[in-house]
PDB file of N, CA and C in Angstrom:
ATOM      1  N   MET A   1      12.510 -38.431 -70.262  1.00  0.00           N
ATOM      2  CA  MET A   1      12.453 -38.804 -68.868  1.00  0.00           C
ATOM      3  C   MET A   1      11.037 -38.512 -68.354  1.00  0.00           C
ATOM      4  N   THR A   2      10.484 -39.467 -67.628  1.00  0.00           N
ATOM      5  CA  THR A   2       9.147 -39.317 -67.070  1.00  0.00           C
ATOM      6  C   THR A   2       9.266 -39.038 -65.579  1.00  0.00           C
ATOM      7  N   VAL A   3       8.552 -38.028 -65.135  1.00  0.00           N
ATOM      8  CA  VAL A   3       8.549 -37.698 -63.709  1.00  0.00           C
ATOM      9  C   VAL A   3       7.301 -38.309 -63.092  1.00  0.00           C
ATOM     10  N   GLN A   4       7.503 -39.086 -62.059  1.00  0.00           N
ATOM     11  CA  GLN A   4       6.377 -39.730 -61.399  1.00  0.00           C
ATOM     12  C   GLN A   4       6.155 -39.069 -60.047  1.00  0.00           C
ATOM     13  N   THR A   5       4.902 -38.714 -59.802  1.00  0.00           N
ATOM     14  CA  THR A   5       4.554 -38.113 -58.524  1.00  0.00           C
ATOM     15  C   THR A   5       4.158 -39.211 -57.547  1.00  0.00           C
ATOM     16  N   LEU A   6       4.787 -39.224 -56.424  1.00  0.00           N
ATOM     17  CA  LEU A   6       4.471 -40.222 -55.404  1.00  0.00           C
ATOM     18  C   LEU A   6       3.348 -39.712 -54.520  1.00  0.00           C
ATOM     19  N   LYS A   7       2.401 -40.565 -54.287  1.00  0.00           N
ATOM     20  CA  LYS A   7       1.294 -40.220 -53.401  1.00  0.00           C
ATOM     21  C   LYS A   7       1.581 -40.812 -52.021  1.00  0.00           C
ATOM     22  N   PRO A   8       1.277 -40.070 -50.977  1.00  0.00           N
ATOM     23  CA  PRO A   8       1.516 -40.624 -49.639  1.00  0.00           C
ATOM     24  C   PRO A   8       0.616 -41.823 -49.389  1.00  0.00           C
ATOM     25  N   ARG A   9       1.166 -42.803 -48.732  1.00  0.00           N
ATOM     26  CA  ARG A   9       0.371 -43.981 -48.368  1.00  0.00           C
ATOM     27  C   ARG A   9      -0.601 -43.616 -47.261  1.00  0.00           C
ATOM     28  N   ARG A  10      -1.768 -44.117 -47.404  1.00  0.00           N
ATOM     29  CA  ARG A  10      -2.789 -43.893 -46.373  1.00  0.00           C
ATOM     30  C   ARG A  10      -2.910 -45.160 -45.541  1.00  0.00           C
ATOM     31  N   SER A  11      -2.617 -45.034 -44.293  1.00  0.00           N
ATOM     32  CA  SER A  11      -2.754 -46.183 -43.412  1.00  0.00           C
ATOM     33  C   SER A  11      -4.075 -46.059 -42.654  1.00  0.00           C
ATOM     34  N   ALA A  12      -4.504 -47.163 -42.124  1.00  0.00           N
ATOM     35  CA  ALA A  12      -5.739 -47.169 -41.345  1.00  0.00           C
ATOM     36  C   ALA A  12      -5.568 -46.269 -40.135  1.00  0.00           C
ATOM     37  N   PRO A  13      -6.616 -45.532 -39.752  1.00  0.00           N
ATOM     38  CA  PRO A  13      -6.508 -44.677 -38.565  1.00  0.00           C
ATOM     39  C   PRO A  13      -6.192 -45.516 -37.333  1.00  0.00           C
ATOM     40  N   ARG A  14      -5.325 -44.987 -36.519  1.00  0.00           N
ATOM     41  CA  ARG A  14      -4.942 -45.681 -35.290  1.00  0.00           C
ATOM     42  C   ARG A  14      -5.633 -45.027 -34.110  1.00  0.00           C
ATOM     43  N   ALA A  15      -5.943 -45.839 -33.134  1.00  0.00           N
ATOM     44  CA  ALA A  15      -6.521 -45.310 -31.908  1.00  0.00           C
ATOM     45  C   ALA A  15      -5.459 -44.497 -31.179  1.00  0.00           C
ATOM     46  N   VAL A  16      -5.865 -43.393 -30.649  1.00  0.00           N
ATOM     47  CA  VAL A  16      -4.948 -42.545 -29.906  1.00  0.00           C
ATOM     48  C   VAL A  16      -4.950 -43.001 -28.455  1.00  0.00           C
ATOM     49  N   VAL A  17      -3.778 -43.362 -27.992  1.00  0.00           N
ATOM     50  CA  VAL A  17      -3.624 -43.782 -26.603  1.00  0.00           C
ATOM     51  C   VAL A  17      -2.829 -42.696 -25.910  1.00  0.00           C
ATOM     52  N   SER A  18      -3.406 -42.151 -24.889  1.00  0.00           N
ATOM     53  CA  SER A  18      -2.756 -41.052 -24.195  1.00  0.00           C
ATOM     54  C   SER A  18      -2.271 -41.509 -22.830  1.00  0.00           C
ATOM     55  N   ASP A  19      -1.202 -40.900 -22.391  1.00  0.00           N
ATOM     56  CA  ASP A  19      -0.710 -41.194 -21.056  1.00  0.00           C
ATOM     57  C   ASP A  19      -1.153 -40.116 -20.079  1.00  0.00           C
ATOM     58  N   MET A  20      -2.077 -39.272 -20.529  1.00  0.00           N
ATOM     59  CA  MET A  20      -2.621 -38.204 -19.694  1.00  0.00           C
ATOM     60  C   MET A  20      -4.140 -38.279 -19.724  1.00  0.00           C
ATOM     61  N   PRO A  21      -4.791 -38.044 -18.600  1.00  0.00           N
ATOM     62  CA  PRO A  21      -6.256 -38.040 -18.608  1.00  0.00           C
ATOM     63  C   PRO A  21      -6.788 -36.842 -19.390  1.00  0.00           C
ATOM     64  N   SER A  22      -7.928 -37.030 -20.032  1.00  0.00           N
ATOM     65  CA  SER A  22      -8.534 -35.943 -20.794  1.00  0.00           C
ATOM     66  C   SER A  22      -9.259 -34.986 -19.844  1.00  0.00           C
ATOM     67  N   HIS A  23      -9.571 -33.827 -20.371  1.00  0.00           N
ATOM     68  CA  HIS A  23     -10.326 -32.826 -19.613  1.00  0.00           C
ATOM     69  C   HIS A  23     -11.662 -33.421 -19.156  1.00  0.00           C
ATOM     70  N   GLU A  24     -12.302 -34.166 -20.046  1.00  0.00           N
ATOM     71  CA  GLU A  24     -13.596 -34.775 -19.726  1.00  0.00           C
ATOM     72  C   GLU A  24     -13.482 -35.805 -18.605  1.00  0.00           C
ATOM     73  N   GLU A  25     -12.406 -36.596 -18.614  1.00  0.00           N
ATOM     74  CA  GLU A  25     -12.204 -37.582 -17.553  1.00  0.00           C
ATOM     75  C   GLU A  25     -11.997 -36.903 -16.208  1.00  0.00           C
ATOM     76  N   ILE A  26     -11.215 -35.853 -16.204  1.00  0.00           N
ATOM     77  CA  ILE A  26     -10.966 -35.128 -14.953  1.00  0.00           C
ATOM     78  C   ILE A  26     -12.263 -34.494 -14.463  1.00  0.00           C
ATOM     79  N   ALA A  27     -13.016 -33.886 -15.364  1.00  0.00           N
ATOM     80  CA  ALA A  27     -14.277 -33.252 -14.976  1.00  0.00           C
ATOM     81  C   ALA A  27     -15.246 -34.268 -14.386  1.00  0.00           C
ATOM     82  N   ALA A  28     -15.338 -35.436 -15.008  1.00  0.00           N
ATOM     83  CA  ALA A  28     -16.242 -36.472 -14.506  1.00  0.00           C
ATOM     84  C   ALA A  28     -15.809 -36.949 -13.118  1.00  0.00           C
ATOM     85  N   ARG A  29     -14.510 -37.131 -12.930  1.00  0.00           N
ATOM     86  CA  ARG A  29     -14.021 -37.575 -11.620  1.00  0.00           C
ATOM     87  C   ARG A  29     -14.230 -36.484 -10.576  1.00  0.00           C
ATOM     88  N   ALA A  30     -13.981 -35.237 -10.936  1.00  0.00           N
ATOM     89  CA  ALA A  30     -14.181 -34.126 -10.000  1.00  0.00           C
ATOM     90  C   ALA A  30     -15.648 -34.034  -9.590  1.00  0.00           C
ATOM     91  N   TYR A  31     -16.542 -34.245 -10.539  1.00  0.00           N
ATOM     92  CA  TYR A  31     -17.974 -34.202 -10.221  1.00  0.00           C
ATOM     93  C   TYR A  31     -18.345 -35.352  -9.284  1.00  0.00           C
ATOM     94  N   ALA A  32     -17.765 -36.529  -9.514  1.00  0.00           N
ATOM     95  CA  ALA A  32     -18.020 -37.667  -8.620  1.00  0.00           C
ATOM     96  C   ALA A  32     -17.521 -37.365  -7.211  1.00  0.00           C
ATOM     97  N   LEU A  33     -16.380 -36.700  -7.101  1.00  0.00           N
ATOM     98  CA  LEU A  33     -15.868 -36.311  -5.781  1.00  0.00           C
ATOM     99  C   LEU A  33     -16.795 -35.305  -5.113  1.00  0.00           C
ATOM    100  N   TYR A  34     -17.284 -34.358  -5.896  1.00  0.00           N
ATOM    101  CA  TYR A  34     -18.227 -33.353  -5.401  1.00  0.00           C
ATOM    102  C   TYR A  34     -19.476 -34.033  -4.846  1.00  0.00           C
ATOM    103  N   GLU A  35     -20.016 -34.990  -5.604  1.00  0.00           N
ATOM    104  CA  GLU A  35     -21.202 -35.709  -5.138  1.00  0.00           C
ATOM    105  C   GLU A  35     -20.903 -36.542  -3.895  1.00  0.00           C
ATOM    106  N   ALA A  36     -19.725 -37.151  -3.858  1.00  0.00           N
ATOM    107  CA  ALA A  36     -19.347 -37.985  -2.716  1.00  0.00           C
ATOM    108  C   ALA A  36     -19.211 -37.163  -1.437  1.00  0.00           C
ATOM    109  N   ARG A  37     -18.900 -35.882  -1.577  1.00  0.00           N
ATOM    110  CA  ARG A  37     -18.798 -35.000  -0.409  1.00  0.00           C
ATOM    111  C   ARG A  37     -20.152 -34.413  -0.020  1.00  0.00           C
ATOM    112  N   GLY A  38     -21.213 -34.874  -0.655  1.00  0.00           N
ATOM    113  CA  GLY A  38     -22.534 -34.372  -0.304  1.00  0.00           C
ATOM    114  C   GLY A  38     -22.972 -33.196  -1.158  1.00  0.00           C
ATOM    115  N   ALA A  39     -22.323 -32.975  -2.269  1.00  0.00           N
ATOM    116  CA  ALA A  39     -22.661 -31.898  -3.211  1.00  0.00           C
ATOM    117  C   ALA A  39     -22.612 -30.516  -2.564  1.00  0.00           C
ATOM    118  N   ASN A  40     -21.703 -30.350  -1.625  1.00  0.00           N
ATOM    119  CA  ASN A  40     -21.504 -29.042  -1.007  1.00  0.00           C
ATOM    120  C   ASN A  40     -20.619 -28.195  -1.910  1.00  0.00           C
ATOM    121  N   GLN A  41     -21.074 -27.003  -2.209  1.00  0.00           N
ATOM    122  CA  GLN A  41     -20.331 -26.130  -3.110  1.00  0.00           C
ATOM    123  C   GLN A  41     -19.165 -25.453  -2.397  1.00  0.00           C
ATOM    124  N   GLY A  42     -18.254 -24.914  -3.219  1.00  0.00           N
ATOM    125  CA  GLY A  42     -17.163 -24.120  -2.672  1.00  0.00           C
ATOM    126  C   GLY A  42     -15.818 -24.801  -2.643  1.00  0.00           C
ATOM    127  N   ASP A  43     -15.746 -26.067  -3.082  1.00  0.00           N
ATOM    128  CA  ASP A  43     -14.466 -26.777  -3.052  1.00  0.00           C
ATOM    129  C   ASP A  43     -14.135 -27.352  -4.424  1.00  0.00           C
ATOM    130  N   ASP A  44     -14.642 -26.707  -5.470  1.00  0.00           N
ATOM    131  CA  ASP A  44     -14.477 -27.231  -6.819  1.00  0.00           C
ATOM    132  C   ASP A  44     -13.013 -27.303  -7.252  1.00  0.00           C
ATOM    133  N   PHE A  45     -12.225 -26.338  -6.870  1.00  0.00           N
ATOM    134  CA  PHE A  45     -10.813 -26.339  -7.253  1.00  0.00           C
ATOM    135  C   PHE A  45     -10.100 -27.548  -6.656  1.00  0.00           C
ATOM    136  N   ASN A  46     -10.344 -27.815  -5.382  1.00  0.00           N
ATOM    137  CA  ASN A  46      -9.720 -28.973  -4.735  1.00  0.00           C
ATOM    138  C   ASN A  46     -10.240 -30.284  -5.308  1.00  0.00           C
ATOM    139  N   ASP A  47     -11.536 -30.323  -5.660  1.00  0.00           N
ATOM    140  CA  ASP A  47     -12.080 -31.521  -6.306  1.00  0.00           C
ATOM    141  C   ASP A  47     -11.356 -31.776  -7.623  1.00  0.00           C
ATOM    142  N   TRP A  48     -11.123 -30.712  -8.387  1.00  0.00           N
ATOM    143  CA  TRP A  48     -10.439 -30.844  -9.670  1.00  0.00           C
ATOM    144  C   TRP A  48      -9.013 -31.360  -9.466  1.00  0.00           C
ATOM    145  N   LEU A  49      -8.301 -30.758  -8.524  1.00  0.00           N
ATOM    146  CA  LEU A  49      -6.926 -31.178  -8.272  1.00  0.00           C
ATOM    147  C   LEU A  49      -6.859 -32.628  -7.794  1.00  0.00           C
ATOM    148  N   GLU A  50      -7.774 -33.007  -6.931  1.00  0.00           N
ATOM    149  CA  GLU A  50      -7.808 -34.381  -6.432  1.00  0.00           C
ATOM    150  C   GLU A  50      -8.126 -35.355  -7.569  1.00  0.00           C
ATOM    151  N   ALA A  51      -9.081 -35.009  -8.412  1.00  0.00           N
ATOM    152  CA  ALA A  51      -9.441 -35.860  -9.552  1.00  0.00           C
ATOM    153  C   ALA A  51      -8.255 -36.024 -10.492  1.00  0.00           C
ATOM    154  N   GLU A  52      -7.581 -34.923 -10.776  1.00  0.00           N
ATOM    155  CA  GLU A  52      -6.417 -34.966 -11.657  1.00  0.00           C
ATOM    156  C   GLU A  52      -5.325 -35.842 -11.054  1.00  0.00           C
ATOM    157  N   HIS A  53      -5.086 -35.689  -9.759  1.00  0.00           N
ATOM    158  CA  HIS A  53      -4.073 -36.478  -9.063  1.00  0.00           C
ATOM    159  C   HIS A  53      -4.406 -37.973  -9.125  1.00  0.00           C
ATOM    160  N   GLU A  54      -5.655 -38.324  -8.834  1.00  0.00           N
ATOM    161  CA  GLU A  54      -6.063 -39.728  -8.845  1.00  0.00           C
ATOM    162  C   GLU A  54      -5.894 -40.336 -10.236  1.00  0.00           C
ATOM    163  N   LEU A  55      -6.343 -39.608 -11.243  1.00  0.00           N
ATOM    164  CA  LEU A  55      -6.256 -40.128 -12.605  1.00  0.00           C
ATOM    165  C   LEU A  55      -4.812 -40.245 -13.075  1.00  0.00           C
ATOM    166  N   LEU A  56      -3.983 -39.292 -12.725  1.00  0.00           N
ATOM    167  CA  LEU A  56      -2.566 -39.383 -13.098  1.00  0.00           C
ATOM    168  C   LEU A  56      -1.915 -40.598 -12.456  1.00  0.00           C
ATOM    169  N   GLN A  57      -2.289 -40.896 -11.217  1.00  0.00           N
ATOM    170  CA  GLN A  57      -1.750 -42.091 -10.556  1.00  0.00           C
ATOM    171  C   GLN A  57      -2.215 -43.351 -11.277  1.00  0.00           C
ATOM    172  N   GLU A  58      -3.499 -43.384 -11.666  1.00  0.00           N
ATOM    173  CA  GLU A  58      -4.015 -44.545 -12.389  1.00  0.00           C
ATOM    174  C   GLU A  58      -3.307 -44.709 -13.733  1.00  0.00           C
ATOM    175  N   TYR A  59      -3.127 -43.608 -14.445  1.00  0.00           N
ATOM    176  CA  TYR A  59      -2.463 -43.674 -15.747  1.00  0.00           C
ATOM    177  C   TYR A  59      -1.013 -44.109 -15.593  1.00  0.00           C
ATOM    178  N   SER A  60      -0.321 -43.593 -14.599  1.00  0.00           N
ATOM    179  CA  SER A  60       1.086 -43.966 -14.431  1.00  0.00           C
ATOM    180  C   SER A  60       1.218 -45.419 -13.998  1.00  0.00           C
ATOM    181  N   ALA A  61       0.224 -45.973 -13.315  1.00  0.00           N
ATOM    182  CA  ALA A  61       0.260 -47.381 -12.926  1.00  0.00           C
ATOM    183  C   ALA A  61       0.147 -48.280 -14.148  1.00  0.00           C
ATOM    184  N   ARG A  62      -0.468 -47.780 -15.228  1.00  0.00           N
ATOM    185  CA  ARG A  62      -0.630 -48.556 -16.459  1.00  0.00           C
ATOM    186  C   ARG A  62       0.623 -48.568 -17.317  1.00  0.00           C
ATOM    187  N   VAL A  63       1.509 -47.608 -17.122  1.00  0.00           N
ATOM    188  CA  VAL A  63       2.709 -47.515 -17.962  1.00  0.00           C
ATOM    189  C   VAL A  63       3.529 -48.789 -17.789  1.00  0.00           C
ATOM    190  N   GLY A  64       3.859 -49.395 -18.904  1.00  0.00           N
ATOM    191  CA  GLY A  64       4.647 -50.615 -18.863  1.00  0.00           C
ATOM    192  C   GLY A  64       3.834 -51.864 -18.615  1.00  0.00           C
ATOM    193  N   ASP A  65       2.525 -51.731 -18.459  1.00  0.00           N
ATOM    194  CA  ASP A  65       1.668 -52.891 -18.246  1.00  0.00           C
ATOM    195  C   ASP A  65       0.512 -52.834 -19.233  1.00  0.00           C
ATOM    196  N   PRO A  66       0.723 -53.275 -20.487  1.00  0.00           N
ATOM    197  CA  PRO A  66      -0.310 -53.182 -21.509  1.00  0.00           C
ATOM    198  C   PRO A  66      -1.588 -53.929 -21.170  1.00  0.00           C
ATOM    199  N   SER A  67      -1.522 -54.909 -20.302  1.00  0.00           N
ATOM    200  CA  SER A  67      -2.720 -55.657 -19.947  1.00  0.00           C
ATOM    201  C   SER A  67      -3.718 -54.804 -19.172  1.00  0.00           C
ATOM    202  N   ARG A  68      -3.253 -53.698 -18.593  1.00  0.00           N
ATOM    203  CA  ARG A  68      -4.138 -52.825 -17.819  1.00  0.00           C
ATOM    204  C   ARG A  68      -4.667 -51.667 -18.649  1.00  0.00           C
ATOM    205  N   ALA A  69      -4.207 -51.504 -19.860  1.00  0.00           N
ATOM    206  CA  ALA A  69      -4.547 -50.341 -20.684  1.00  0.00           C
ATOM    207  C   ALA A  69      -6.025 -50.243 -20.987  1.00  0.00           C
ATOM    208  N   ASP A  70      -6.736 -51.342 -21.085  1.00  0.00           N
ATOM    209  CA  ASP A  70      -8.159 -51.302 -21.408  1.00  0.00           C
ATOM    210  C   ASP A  70      -9.039 -51.339 -20.175  1.00  0.00           C
ATOM    211  N   ASN A  71      -8.483 -51.361 -19.012  1.00  0.00           N
ATOM    212  CA  ASN A  71      -9.282 -51.441 -17.778  1.00  0.00           C
ATOM    213  C   ASN A  71      -9.732 -50.081 -17.331  1.00  0.00           C
TER     214      ASN A  71
END
């Protein structure tokens, strides 16, 4: 009897599509909000929360609509 070792199939890498904004996306949006407010310091936490909220709304608007996924 011959024992054959099966090798796992290697598939092409797939692009990772996330339904959550990345840390970098939130940071970039928060910085844009900071600049839009005149670059006044002291409200970074609220800028972060607002950026996260905006991006989550944008991401949830894309759910179920693949045509918007690349926009």
